[in-house]
Amino acid sequence: MVFVSRSILHKGPLLRSRLFATNASVEYDDWLQANPLPDAAKLKADRIMPNQQDITSDRGRQASVSSKSFSWRETARVLQGCVHSHSAGTWQPTHRGYVCLHDETGAKLREVLLPTILQPMSDAEALLAAVMSTKPSIDPGPTQGGRHVAVLLSADSAALGIWDDGVLARHKIVTGYTVRRKAGKAQLTYLRRGGSGGTVGGGIRSRETQRVFHTAASKLCEWAADIATCKQAHATGTVRVWNELYSAKTALSSVLPRDDARWRRVGLSIGKPRFNDLKHVFRTISTGSVVIYDGSALDWMP
């Protein structure tokens, strides 16, 4: 018990705080002496250490895994080399590619991740059957990619494109003044959060927003004949901008419905779609990779 005189308590808050801090420090030192903390050596000895053998085996497995990318045109050649360079195991088509399963343990030996433009299961099974029935000495030739459409949207722009067997046959870039310069906020977001569109700038941005999405939807409707023959449709953008696109022109729902089974999300974040973004998207969806789990070389790849 520590007794403090009344006169000390009246000498000001600074002196009182120092006095109580000193008393607390003395009491803590006494408690620490009666309850010593464990030393570092004991803590290290009591710590649960991982098995060094497991660490070594994990590092060995990681070191044996290798991968290599390839273009969609080389898919048949890559599959042929992967199938005929390793006879053991069973090849099975999966959602993301082909997996070579070991006969005894079922462990992965090799995996071919198909480019997105070649990933429908029907195409995968047909391509695998054709490759396995072809002799290793026969060149299967370049793989056909078919026709694909891409719709990249943001609050202030739209980038549209159609590829025919890897060649960009049609494209359209639409931009507009739809984002408030100072606040950096789209007019759609500003109005949705209770903002007023009565200013001159607000009216311009609202009209520009309607123009951007109406132009994009109209262009897609003009491409209706080409879109009907597309194998896949690739998309980026938020739900809000897609709502604006389909609200701008109701005829778009009959050309390319939102629930069309051909839609694929690209998986890229594109803030302001432009022509270079169209090219980047196609490179992404047209590139595959081979993953080797058994440590063998990839010198057979084209």
C-alpha atoms as a PDB file:
ATOM      1  CA  MET A   1       0.000   0.000   0.000  1.00  0.00           C
ATOM      2  CA  VAL A   2       1.377   3.417  -1.010  1.00  0.00           C
ATOM      3  CA  PHE A   3       0.243   6.495   0.966  1.00  0.00           C
ATOM      4  CA  VAL A   4       0.240   9.907  -0.725  1.00  0.00           C
ATOM      5  CA  SER A   5      -0.114  13.070   1.317  1.00  0.00           C
ATOM      6  CA  ARG A   6      -2.867  15.542   0.590  1.00  0.00           C
ATOM      7  CA  SER A   7      -0.329  18.314  -0.046  1.00  0.00           C
ATOM      8  CA  ILE A   8       1.274  16.377  -2.894  1.00  0.00           C
ATOM      9  CA  LEU A   9      -2.083  15.814  -4.564  1.00  0.00           C
ATOM     10  CA  HIS A  10      -2.624  19.584  -4.663  1.00  0.00           C
ATOM     11  CA  LYS A  11       0.700  20.362  -6.415  1.00  0.00           C
ATOM     12  CA  GLY A  12      -0.638  19.927  -9.916  1.00  0.00           C
ATOM     13  CA  PRO A  13      -1.603  17.194 -12.409  1.00  0.00           C
ATOM     14  CA  LEU A  14       1.946  16.801 -13.818  1.00  0.00           C
ATOM     15  CA  LEU A  15       3.444  15.904 -10.434  1.00  0.00           C
ATOM     16  CA  ARG A  16       0.575  13.541  -9.658  1.00  0.00           C
ATOM     17  CA  SER A  17       0.978  11.702 -12.996  1.00  0.00           C
ATOM     18  CA  ARG A  18       4.719  11.267 -12.412  1.00  0.00           C
ATOM     19  CA  LEU A  19       4.136   9.993  -8.896  1.00  0.00           C
ATOM     20  CA  PHE A  20       1.553   7.401  -9.921  1.00  0.00           C
ATOM     21  CA  ALA A  21       3.686   6.294 -12.884  1.00  0.00           C
ATOM     22  CA  THR A  22       6.651   5.737 -10.551  1.00  0.00           C
ATOM     23  CA  ASN A  23       4.545   3.738  -8.107  1.00  0.00           C
ATOM     24  CA  ALA A  24       3.120   1.601 -10.943  1.00  0.00           C
ATOM     25  CA  SER A  25       6.623   0.939 -12.249  1.00  0.00           C
ATOM     26  CA  VAL A  26       7.823  -0.180  -8.816  1.00  0.00           C
ATOM     27  CA  GLU A  27       4.861  -2.519  -8.376  1.00  0.00           C
ATOM     28  CA  TYR A  28       5.386  -3.995 -11.877  1.00  0.00           C
ATOM     29  CA  ASP A  29       9.085  -4.603 -11.154  1.00  0.00           C
ATOM     30  CA  ASP A  30       8.162  -6.459  -7.967  1.00  0.00           C
ATOM     31  CA  TRP A  31       5.628  -8.598  -9.797  1.00  0.00           C
ATOM     32  CA  LEU A  32       8.091  -9.329 -12.621  1.00  0.00           C
ATOM     33  CA  GLN A  33      10.713 -10.450 -10.119  1.00  0.00           C
ATOM     34  CA  ALA A  34       8.232 -12.841  -8.503  1.00  0.00           C
ATOM     35  CA  ASN A  35       7.027 -14.118 -11.917  1.00  0.00           C
ATOM     36  CA  PRO A  36      10.049 -14.265 -14.240  1.00  0.00           C
ATOM     37  CA  LEU A  37       9.481 -14.613 -17.971  1.00  0.00           C
ATOM     38  CA  PRO A  38      10.892 -17.689 -19.734  1.00  0.00           C
ATOM     39  CA  ASP A  39      14.210 -17.146 -21.452  1.00  0.00           C
ATOM     40  CA  ALA A  40      14.704 -17.291 -25.207  1.00  0.00           C
ATOM     41  CA  ALA A  41      16.339 -20.718 -25.110  1.00  0.00           C
ATOM     42  CA  LYS A  42      13.325 -22.253 -23.388  1.00  0.00           C
ATOM     43  CA  LEU A  43      10.926 -20.621 -25.820  1.00  0.00           C
ATOM     44  CA  LYS A  44      12.901 -21.990 -28.771  1.00  0.00           C
ATOM     45  CA  ALA A  45      12.949 -25.465 -27.235  1.00  0.00           C
ATOM     46  CA  ASP A  46       9.209 -25.438 -26.550  1.00  0.00           C
ATOM     47  CA  ARG A  47       8.291 -24.187 -30.028  1.00  0.00           C
ATOM     48  CA  ILE A  48       6.802 -26.801 -32.359  1.00  0.00           C
ATOM     49  CA  MET A  49       9.253 -27.120 -35.243  1.00  0.00           C
ATOM     50  CA  PRO A  50       8.200 -28.587 -38.617  1.00  0.00           C
ATOM     51  CA  ASN A  51       9.648 -31.858 -39.738  1.00  0.00           C
ATOM     52  CA  GLN A  52      12.806 -31.186 -41.754  1.00  0.00           C
ATOM     53  CA  GLN A  53      12.143 -34.242 -43.888  1.00  0.00           C
ATOM     54  CA  ASP A  54       8.725 -32.897 -44.895  1.00  0.00           C
ATOM     55  CA  ILE A  55      10.278 -29.529 -45.784  1.00  0.00           C
ATOM     56  CA  THR A  56      12.868 -31.226 -47.972  1.00  0.00           C
ATOM     57  CA  SER A  57      10.249 -33.321 -49.777  1.00  0.00           C
ATOM     58  CA  ASP A  58       8.013 -30.274 -50.382  1.00  0.00           C
ATOM     59  CA  ARG A  59      10.939 -28.349 -51.846  1.00  0.00           C
ATOM     60  CA  GLY A  60      11.749 -31.300 -54.050  1.00  0.00           C
ATOM     61  CA  ARG A  61       8.186 -31.463 -55.376  1.00  0.00           C
ATOM     62  CA  GLN A  62       8.145 -27.724 -56.068  1.00  0.00           C
ATOM     63  CA  ALA A  63      11.482 -27.935 -57.868  1.00  0.00           C
ATOM     64  CA  SER A  64      10.193 -30.744 -60.107  1.00  0.00           C
ATOM     65  CA  VAL A  65       7.136 -28.758 -61.280  1.00  0.00           C
ATOM     66  CA  SER A  66       7.692 -26.764 -64.464  1.00  0.00           C
ATOM     67  CA  SER A  67       5.408 -24.961 -66.894  1.00  0.00           C
ATOM     68  CA  LYS A  68       5.491 -23.275 -70.286  1.00  0.00           C
ATOM     69  CA  SER A  69       2.987 -21.171 -72.212  1.00  0.00           C
ATOM     70  CA  PHE A  70       1.905 -21.671 -75.803  1.00  0.00           C
ATOM     71  CA  SER A  71      -0.262 -19.961 -78.400  1.00  0.00           C
ATOM     72  CA  TRP A  72      -3.691 -21.322 -79.257  1.00  0.00           C
ATOM     73  CA  ARG A  73      -2.544 -22.205 -82.792  1.00  0.00           C
ATOM     74  CA  GLU A  74      -0.027 -24.678 -81.311  1.00  0.00           C
ATOM     75  CA  THR A  75      -2.581 -26.467 -79.112  1.00  0.00           C
ATOM     76  CA  ALA A  76      -2.841 -29.622 -81.238  1.00  0.00           C
ATOM     77  CA  ARG A  77       0.942 -29.890 -81.583  1.00  0.00           C
ATOM     78  CA  VAL A  78       1.427 -29.373 -77.836  1.00  0.00           C
ATOM     79  CA  LEU A  79      -1.152 -32.030 -77.012  1.00  0.00           C
ATOM     80  CA  GLN A  80       0.423 -34.450 -79.459  1.00  0.00           C
ATOM     81  CA  GLY A  81       3.869 -33.985 -77.950  1.00  0.00           C
ATOM     82  CA  CYS A  82       2.543 -34.227 -74.405  1.00  0.00           C
ATOM     83  CA  VAL A  83       0.569 -37.415 -75.104  1.00  0.00           C
ATOM     84  CA  HIS A  84       3.223 -39.287 -77.079  1.00  0.00           C
ATOM     85  CA  SER A  85       6.210 -38.256 -74.939  1.00  0.00           C
ATOM     86  CA  HIS A  86       4.783 -40.075 -71.911  1.00  0.00           C
ATOM     87  CA  SER A  87       3.007 -43.366 -72.505  1.00  0.00           C
ATOM     88  CA  ALA A  88       2.100 -44.184 -68.890  1.00  0.00           C
ATOM     89  CA  GLY A  89      -1.114 -42.799 -67.455  1.00  0.00           C
ATOM     90  CA  THR A  90      -4.603 -42.018 -68.688  1.00  0.00           C
ATOM     91  CA  TRP A  91      -5.574 -38.761 -70.357  1.00  0.00           C
ATOM     92  CA  GLN A  92      -8.943 -37.337 -69.341  1.00  0.00           C
ATOM     93  CA  PRO A  93     -10.576 -34.045 -70.352  1.00  0.00           C
ATOM     94  CA  THR A  94     -11.540 -31.764 -67.456  1.00  0.00           C
ATOM     95  CA  HIS A  95     -13.129 -28.345 -67.164  1.00  0.00           C
ATOM     96  CA  ARG A  96      -9.818 -26.463 -67.324  1.00  0.00           C
ATOM     97  CA  GLY A  97      -7.672 -28.755 -69.479  1.00  0.00           C
ATOM     98  CA  TYR A  98      -6.305 -32.258 -69.843  1.00  0.00           C
ATOM     99  CA  VAL A  99      -4.865 -34.144 -66.885  1.00  0.00           C
ATOM    100  CA  CYS A 100      -2.616 -37.187 -67.148  1.00  0.00           C
ATOM    101  CA  LEU A 101      -3.452 -39.509 -64.254  1.00  0.00           C
ATOM    102  CA  HIS A 102      -1.056 -42.198 -63.066  1.00  0.00           C
ATOM    103  CA  ASP A 103      -2.456 -45.708 -63.345  1.00  0.00           C
ATOM    104  CA  GLU A 104      -1.610 -46.766 -59.775  1.00  0.00           C
ATOM    105  CA  THR A 105      -1.775 -43.716 -57.504  1.00  0.00           C
ATOM    106  CA  GLY A 106      -3.917 -41.305 -59.534  1.00  0.00           C
ATOM    107  CA  ALA A 107      -1.386 -38.481 -59.043  1.00  0.00           C
ATOM    108  CA  LYS A 108      -1.059 -35.754 -61.662  1.00  0.00           C
ATOM    109  CA  LEU A 109       1.822 -36.204 -64.070  1.00  0.00           C
ATOM    110  CA  ARG A 110       1.065 -33.627 -66.726  1.00  0.00           C
ATOM    111  CA  GLU A 111      -1.625 -31.047 -67.318  1.00  0.00           C
ATOM    112  CA  VAL A 112      -2.431 -28.959 -70.353  1.00  0.00           C
ATOM    113  CA  LEU A 113      -4.437 -25.835 -69.530  1.00  0.00           C
ATOM    114  CA  LEU A 114      -6.251 -25.011 -72.733  1.00  0.00           C
ATOM    115  CA  PRO A 115      -6.642 -21.431 -73.967  1.00  0.00           C
ATOM    116  CA  THR A 116     -10.023 -19.998 -73.024  1.00  0.00           C
ATOM    117  CA  ILE A 117     -11.127 -19.886 -76.660  1.00  0.00           C
ATOM    118  CA  LEU A 118     -10.709 -23.699 -76.862  1.00  0.00           C
ATOM    119  CA  GLN A 119     -12.230 -24.680 -73.532  1.00  0.00           C
ATOM    120  CA  PRO A 120     -15.770 -25.923 -74.322  1.00  0.00           C
ATOM    121  CA  MET A 121     -15.928 -29.570 -73.260  1.00  0.00           C
ATOM    122  CA  SER A 122     -17.165 -30.772 -76.652  1.00  0.00           C
ATOM    123  CA  ASP A 123     -14.181 -29.182 -78.401  1.00  0.00           C
ATOM    124  CA  ALA A 124     -11.817 -30.557 -75.765  1.00  0.00           C
ATOM    125  CA  GLU A 125     -12.983 -34.130 -76.191  1.00  0.00           C
ATOM    126  CA  ALA A 126     -12.883 -33.947 -79.994  1.00  0.00           C
ATOM    127  CA  LEU A 127      -9.420 -32.380 -80.003  1.00  0.00           C
ATOM    128  CA  LEU A 128      -8.035 -34.952 -77.579  1.00  0.00           C
ATOM    129  CA  ALA A 129      -9.494 -37.859 -79.583  1.00  0.00           C
ATOM    130  CA  ALA A 130      -8.012 -36.494 -82.824  1.00  0.00           C
ATOM    131  CA  VAL A 131      -4.572 -36.051 -81.269  1.00  0.00           C
ATOM    132  CA  MET A 132      -4.466 -39.513 -79.698  1.00  0.00           C
ATOM    133  CA  SER A 133      -5.428 -41.146 -83.000  1.00  0.00           C
ATOM    134  CA  THR A 134      -2.665 -39.324 -84.910  1.00  0.00           C
ATOM    135  CA  LYS A 135       0.812 -40.825 -85.222  1.00  0.00           C
ATOM    136  CA  PRO A 136       3.652 -38.854 -83.587  1.00  0.00           C
ATOM    137  CA  SER A 137       5.351 -38.400 -86.968  1.00  0.00           C
ATOM    138  CA  ILE A 138       2.320 -36.649 -88.487  1.00  0.00           C
ATOM    139  CA  ASP A 139       2.002 -32.901 -87.916  1.00  0.00           C
ATOM    140  CA  PRO A 140      -1.590 -32.123 -86.817  1.00  0.00           C
ATOM    141  CA  GLY A 141      -1.235 -28.575 -88.128  1.00  0.00           C
ATOM    142  CA  PRO A 142      -2.391 -25.325 -86.539  1.00  0.00           C
ATOM    143  CA  THR A 143      -5.514 -25.385 -84.384  1.00  0.00           C
ATOM    144  CA  GLN A 144      -8.583 -23.491 -85.593  1.00  0.00           C
ATOM    145  CA  GLY A 145      -9.862 -20.865 -83.164  1.00  0.00           C
ATOM    146  CA  GLY A 146     -13.230 -19.953 -84.658  1.00  0.00           C
ATOM    147  CA  ARG A 147     -15.013 -16.641 -84.181  1.00  0.00           C
ATOM    148  CA  HIS A 148     -15.199 -14.738 -80.871  1.00  0.00           C
ATOM    149  CA  VAL A 149     -16.693 -11.442 -79.705  1.00  0.00           C
ATOM    150  CA  ALA A 150     -15.467  -9.277 -76.812  1.00  0.00           C
ATOM    151  CA  VAL A 151     -17.374  -6.514 -75.015  1.00  0.00           C
ATOM    152  CA  LEU A 152     -15.278  -4.441 -72.595  1.00  0.00           C
ATOM    153  CA  LEU A 153     -17.250  -1.835 -70.651  1.00  0.00           C
ATOM    154  CA  SER A 154     -16.621   0.946 -68.152  1.00  0.00           C
ATOM    155  CA  ALA A 155     -18.529   4.035 -67.049  1.00  0.00           C
ATOM    156  CA  ASP A 156     -16.963   6.223 -69.750  1.00  0.00           C
ATOM    157  CA  SER A 157     -16.034   3.898 -72.610  1.00  0.00           C
ATOM    158  CA  ALA A 158     -16.712   0.668 -74.463  1.00  0.00           C
ATOM    159  CA  ALA A 159     -14.377  -1.468 -76.559  1.00  0.00           C
ATOM    160  CA  LEU A 160     -15.973  -4.000 -78.904  1.00  0.00           C
ATOM    161  CA  GLY A 161     -14.250  -6.536 -81.126  1.00  0.00           C
ATOM    162  CA  ILE A 162     -14.830  -9.680 -83.178  1.00  0.00           C
ATOM    163  CA  TRP A 163     -12.002 -12.079 -84.041  1.00  0.00           C
ATOM    164  CA  ASP A 164     -12.247 -14.578 -86.872  1.00  0.00           C
ATOM    165  CA  ASP A 165      -9.664 -17.343 -86.360  1.00  0.00           C
ATOM    166  CA  GLY A 166      -7.328 -14.954 -84.550  1.00  0.00           C
ATOM    167  CA  VAL A 167      -7.776 -12.006 -86.925  1.00  0.00           C
ATOM    168  CA  LEU A 168      -9.529  -8.894 -85.601  1.00  0.00           C
ATOM    169  CA  ALA A 169     -12.289  -8.574 -88.191  1.00  0.00           C
ATOM    170  CA  ARG A 170     -14.366  -5.840 -86.516  1.00  0.00           C
ATOM    171  CA  HIS A 171     -13.769  -3.371 -83.713  1.00  0.00           C
ATOM    172  CA  LYS A 172     -15.345  -0.237 -82.285  1.00  0.00           C
ATOM    173  CA  ILE A 173     -14.141   2.068 -79.481  1.00  0.00           C
ATOM    174  CA  VAL A 174     -16.690   4.444 -77.914  1.00  0.00           C
ATOM    175  CA  THR A 175     -15.678   7.112 -75.377  1.00  0.00           C
ATOM    176  CA  GLY A 176     -17.437  10.053 -73.768  1.00  0.00           C
ATOM    177  CA  TYR A 177     -17.301  12.732 -71.086  1.00  0.00           C
ATOM    178  CA  THR A 178     -19.218  10.839 -68.401  1.00  0.00           C
ATOM    179  CA  VAL A 179     -16.898  11.203 -65.383  1.00  0.00           C
ATOM    180  CA  ARG A 180     -16.769  14.346 -63.227  1.00  0.00           C
ATOM    181  CA  ARG A 181     -13.273  15.732 -63.680  1.00  0.00           C
ATOM    182  CA  LYS A 182     -12.706  17.083 -60.170  1.00  0.00           C
ATOM    183  CA  ALA A 183     -14.385  14.334 -58.173  1.00  0.00           C
ATOM    184  CA  GLY A 184     -13.343  11.496 -60.491  1.00  0.00           C
ATOM    185  CA  LYS A 185     -16.798   9.967 -60.124  1.00  0.00           C
ATOM    186  CA  ALA A 186     -18.980   8.687 -62.937  1.00  0.00           C
ATOM    187  CA  GLN A 187     -22.240  10.535 -63.518  1.00  0.00           C
ATOM    188  CA  LEU A 188     -24.151   7.273 -63.034  1.00  0.00           C
ATOM    189  CA  THR A 189     -22.619   6.812 -59.580  1.00  0.00           C
ATOM    190  CA  TYR A 190     -23.167  10.479 -58.695  1.00  0.00           C
ATOM    191  CA  LEU A 191     -26.877  10.337 -59.534  1.00  0.00           C
ATOM    192  CA  ARG A 192     -27.368   6.976 -57.843  1.00  0.00           C
ATOM    193  CA  ARG A 193     -26.028   8.407 -54.566  1.00  0.00           C
ATOM    194  CA  GLY A 194     -28.472  11.302 -54.578  1.00  0.00           C
ATOM    195  CA  GLY A 195     -26.522  13.863 -56.566  1.00  0.00           C
ATOM    196  CA  SER A 196     -28.262  16.487 -58.660  1.00  0.00           C
ATOM    197  CA  GLY A 197     -27.949  16.463 -62.430  1.00  0.00           C
ATOM    198  CA  GLY A 198     -29.370  19.974 -62.855  1.00  0.00           C
ATOM    199  CA  THR A 199     -26.032  21.660 -63.571  1.00  0.00           C
ATOM    200  CA  VAL A 200     -24.728  22.297 -67.071  1.00  0.00           C
ATOM    201  CA  GLY A 201     -21.913  19.792 -66.594  1.00  0.00           C
ATOM    202  CA  GLY A 202     -24.286  17.224 -65.122  1.00  0.00           C
ATOM    203  CA  GLY A 203     -26.593  17.496 -68.109  1.00  0.00           C
ATOM    204  CA  ILE A 204     -23.690  17.039 -70.520  1.00  0.00           C
ATOM    205  CA  ARG A 205     -22.421  13.982 -68.655  1.00  0.00           C
ATOM    206  CA  SER A 206     -25.888  12.428 -68.561  1.00  0.00           C
ATOM    207  CA  ARG A 207     -26.327  12.853 -72.309  1.00  0.00           C
ATOM    208  CA  GLU A 208     -22.828  11.516 -72.936  1.00  0.00           C
ATOM    209  CA  THR A 209     -23.558   8.455 -70.800  1.00  0.00           C
ATOM    210  CA  GLN A 210     -26.659   7.681 -72.846  1.00  0.00           C
ATOM    211  CA  ARG A 211     -24.744   8.223 -76.088  1.00  0.00           C
ATOM    212  CA  VAL A 212     -21.863   5.890 -75.124  1.00  0.00           C
ATOM    213  CA  PHE A 213     -24.063   2.950 -74.213  1.00  0.00           C
ATOM    214  CA  HIS A 214     -26.573   3.508 -77.013  1.00  0.00           C
ATOM    215  CA  THR A 215     -23.753   3.630 -79.582  1.00  0.00           C
ATOM    216  CA  ALA A 216     -22.171   0.459 -78.194  1.00  0.00           C
ATOM    217  CA  ALA A 217     -25.479  -1.419 -78.136  1.00  0.00           C
ATOM    218  CA  SER A 218     -26.348  -0.248 -81.656  1.00  0.00           C
ATOM    219  CA  LYS A 219     -22.981  -1.407 -82.985  1.00  0.00           C
ATOM    220  CA  LEU A 220     -23.471  -4.860 -81.475  1.00  0.00           C
ATOM    221  CA  CYS A 221     -26.880  -5.037 -83.124  1.00  0.00           C
ATOM    222  CA  GLU A 222     -25.257  -4.157 -86.472  1.00  0.00           C
ATOM    223  CA  TRP A 223     -22.928  -7.117 -85.968  1.00  0.00           C
ATOM    224  CA  ALA A 224     -25.832  -9.492 -85.298  1.00  0.00           C
ATOM    225  CA  ALA A 225     -24.994 -11.813 -88.209  1.00  0.00           C
ATOM    226  CA  ASP A 226     -21.369 -12.186 -87.117  1.00  0.00           C
ATOM    227  CA  ILE A 227     -22.250 -12.531 -83.424  1.00  0.00           C
ATOM    228  CA  ALA A 228     -24.652 -15.358 -84.240  1.00  0.00           C
ATOM    229  CA  THR A 229     -21.712 -17.452 -85.492  1.00  0.00           C
ATOM    230  CA  CYS A 230     -19.374 -16.663 -82.573  1.00  0.00           C
ATOM    231  CA  LYS A 231     -18.305 -19.589 -80.397  1.00  0.00           C
ATOM    232  CA  GLN A 232     -17.791 -17.454 -77.285  1.00  0.00           C
ATOM    233  CA  ALA A 233     -18.488 -13.950 -75.977  1.00  0.00           C
ATOM    234  CA  HIS A 234     -15.976 -12.382 -73.569  1.00  0.00           C
ATOM    235  CA  ALA A 235     -16.872  -9.605 -71.149  1.00  0.00           C
ATOM    236  CA  THR A 236     -15.436  -7.176 -68.597  1.00  0.00           C
ATOM    237  CA  GLY A 237     -17.179  -4.479 -66.544  1.00  0.00           C
ATOM    238  CA  THR A 238     -19.446  -4.047 -63.539  1.00  0.00           C
ATOM    239  CA  VAL A 239     -23.089  -5.059 -63.311  1.00  0.00           C
ATOM    240  CA  ARG A 240     -24.166  -1.402 -63.361  1.00  0.00           C
ATOM    241  CA  VAL A 241     -22.591  -0.612 -66.733  1.00  0.00           C
ATOM    242  CA  TRP A 242     -24.002  -3.817 -68.208  1.00  0.00           C
ATOM    243  CA  ASN A 243     -27.462  -2.769 -67.021  1.00  0.00           C
ATOM    244  CA  GLU A 244     -26.977   0.538 -68.834  1.00  0.00           C
ATOM    245  CA  LEU A 245     -25.891  -1.235 -72.017  1.00  0.00           C
ATOM    246  CA  TYR A 246     -28.966  -3.449 -72.216  1.00  0.00           C
ATOM    247  CA  SER A 247     -31.270  -0.596 -71.170  1.00  0.00           C
ATOM    248  CA  ALA A 248     -29.954   1.603 -73.979  1.00  0.00           C
ATOM    249  CA  LYS A 249     -31.310  -0.671 -76.729  1.00  0.00           C
ATOM    250  CA  THR A 250     -33.787  -3.453 -76.033  1.00  0.00           C
ATOM    251  CA  ALA A 251     -33.016  -5.161 -79.362  1.00  0.00           C
ATOM    252  CA  LEU A 252     -29.621  -6.178 -77.968  1.00  0.00           C
ATOM    253  CA  SER A 253     -31.281  -8.829 -75.808  1.00  0.00           C
ATOM    254  CA  SER A 254     -32.294 -10.739 -78.924  1.00  0.00           C
ATOM    255  CA  VAL A 255     -28.847 -10.407 -80.550  1.00  0.00           C
ATOM    256  CA  LEU A 256     -26.751 -11.389 -77.522  1.00  0.00           C
ATOM    257  CA  PRO A 257     -28.844 -12.197 -74.422  1.00  0.00           C
ATOM    258  CA  ARG A 258     -27.290 -11.640 -71.002  1.00  0.00           C
ATOM    259  CA  ASP A 259     -27.939 -15.273 -70.093  1.00  0.00           C
ATOM    260  CA  ASP A 260     -26.317 -16.582 -73.287  1.00  0.00           C
ATOM    261  CA  ALA A 261     -24.237 -19.680 -72.562  1.00  0.00           C
ATOM    262  CA  ARG A 262     -21.384 -18.287 -74.665  1.00  0.00           C
ATOM    263  CA  TRP A 263     -20.514 -15.528 -72.175  1.00  0.00           C
ATOM    264  CA  ARG A 264     -17.125 -15.794 -70.440  1.00  0.00           C
ATOM    265  CA  ARG A 265     -15.670 -13.389 -67.888  1.00  0.00           C
ATOM    266  CA  VAL A 266     -12.166 -12.426 -68.986  1.00  0.00           C
ATOM    267  CA  GLY A 267     -10.844 -12.092 -65.436  1.00  0.00           C
ATOM    268  CA  LEU A 268      -8.992  -8.817 -66.048  1.00  0.00           C
ATOM    269  CA  SER A 269      -9.573  -5.428 -64.433  1.00  0.00           C
ATOM    270  CA  ILE A 270      -9.751  -2.811 -67.191  1.00  0.00           C
ATOM    271  CA  GLY A 271     -10.496   0.726 -66.046  1.00  0.00           C
ATOM    272  CA  LYS A 272     -10.912   2.489 -69.397  1.00  0.00           C
ATOM    273  CA  PRO A 273     -11.157   0.023 -72.301  1.00  0.00           C
ATOM    274  CA  ARG A 274      -9.287   1.060 -75.428  1.00  0.00           C
ATOM    275  CA  PHE A 275      -7.961  -0.650 -78.565  1.00  0.00           C
ATOM    276  CA  ASN A 276      -4.820  -1.920 -76.814  1.00  0.00           C
ATOM    277  CA  ASP A 277      -7.020  -3.518 -74.159  1.00  0.00           C
ATOM    278  CA  LEU A 278      -8.815  -5.471 -76.874  1.00  0.00           C
ATOM    279  CA  LYS A 279      -5.484  -6.880 -78.055  1.00  0.00           C
ATOM    280  CA  HIS A 280      -4.425  -7.650 -74.485  1.00  0.00           C
ATOM    281  CA  VAL A 281      -7.681  -9.491 -73.808  1.00  0.00           C
ATOM    282  CA  PHE A 282      -7.284 -11.680 -76.884  1.00  0.00           C
ATOM    283  CA  ARG A 283      -3.701 -12.543 -75.935  1.00  0.00           C
ATOM    284  CA  THR A 284      -4.984 -13.604 -72.518  1.00  0.00           C
ATOM    285  CA  ILE A 285      -7.824 -15.808 -73.745  1.00  0.00           C
ATOM    286  CA  SER A 286      -5.750 -17.339 -76.559  1.00  0.00           C
ATOM    287  CA  THR A 287      -2.769 -18.471 -74.451  1.00  0.00           C
ATOM    288  CA  GLY A 288      -2.508 -21.875 -72.781  1.00  0.00           C
ATOM    289  CA  SER A 289       0.141 -23.550 -70.634  1.00  0.00           C
ATOM    290  CA  VAL A 290       1.624 -26.971 -69.971  1.00  0.00           C
ATOM    291  CA  VAL A 291       2.376 -27.987 -66.376  1.00  0.00           C
ATOM    292  CA  ILE A 292       4.790 -30.879 -65.767  1.00  0.00           C
ATOM    293  CA  TYR A 293       4.648 -32.484 -62.316  1.00  0.00           C
ATOM    294  CA  ASP A 294       7.085 -35.384 -62.824  1.00  0.00           C
ATOM    295  CA  GLY A 295      10.204 -33.299 -63.473  1.00  0.00           C
ATOM    296  CA  SER A 296      10.585 -34.258 -67.149  1.00  0.00           C
ATOM    297  CA  ALA A 297      11.889 -31.802 -69.746  1.00  0.00           C
ATOM    298  CA  LEU A 298       9.786 -29.609 -72.013  1.00  0.00           C
ATOM    299  CA  ASP A 299      12.145 -29.753 -75.004  1.00  0.00           C
ATOM    300  CA  TRP A 300       9.465 -31.465 -77.106  1.00  0.00           C
ATOM    301  CA  MET A 301       7.251 -28.351 -77.103  1.00  0.00           C
ATOM    302  CA  PRO A 302       7.150 -26.341 -80.355  1.00  0.00           C
END
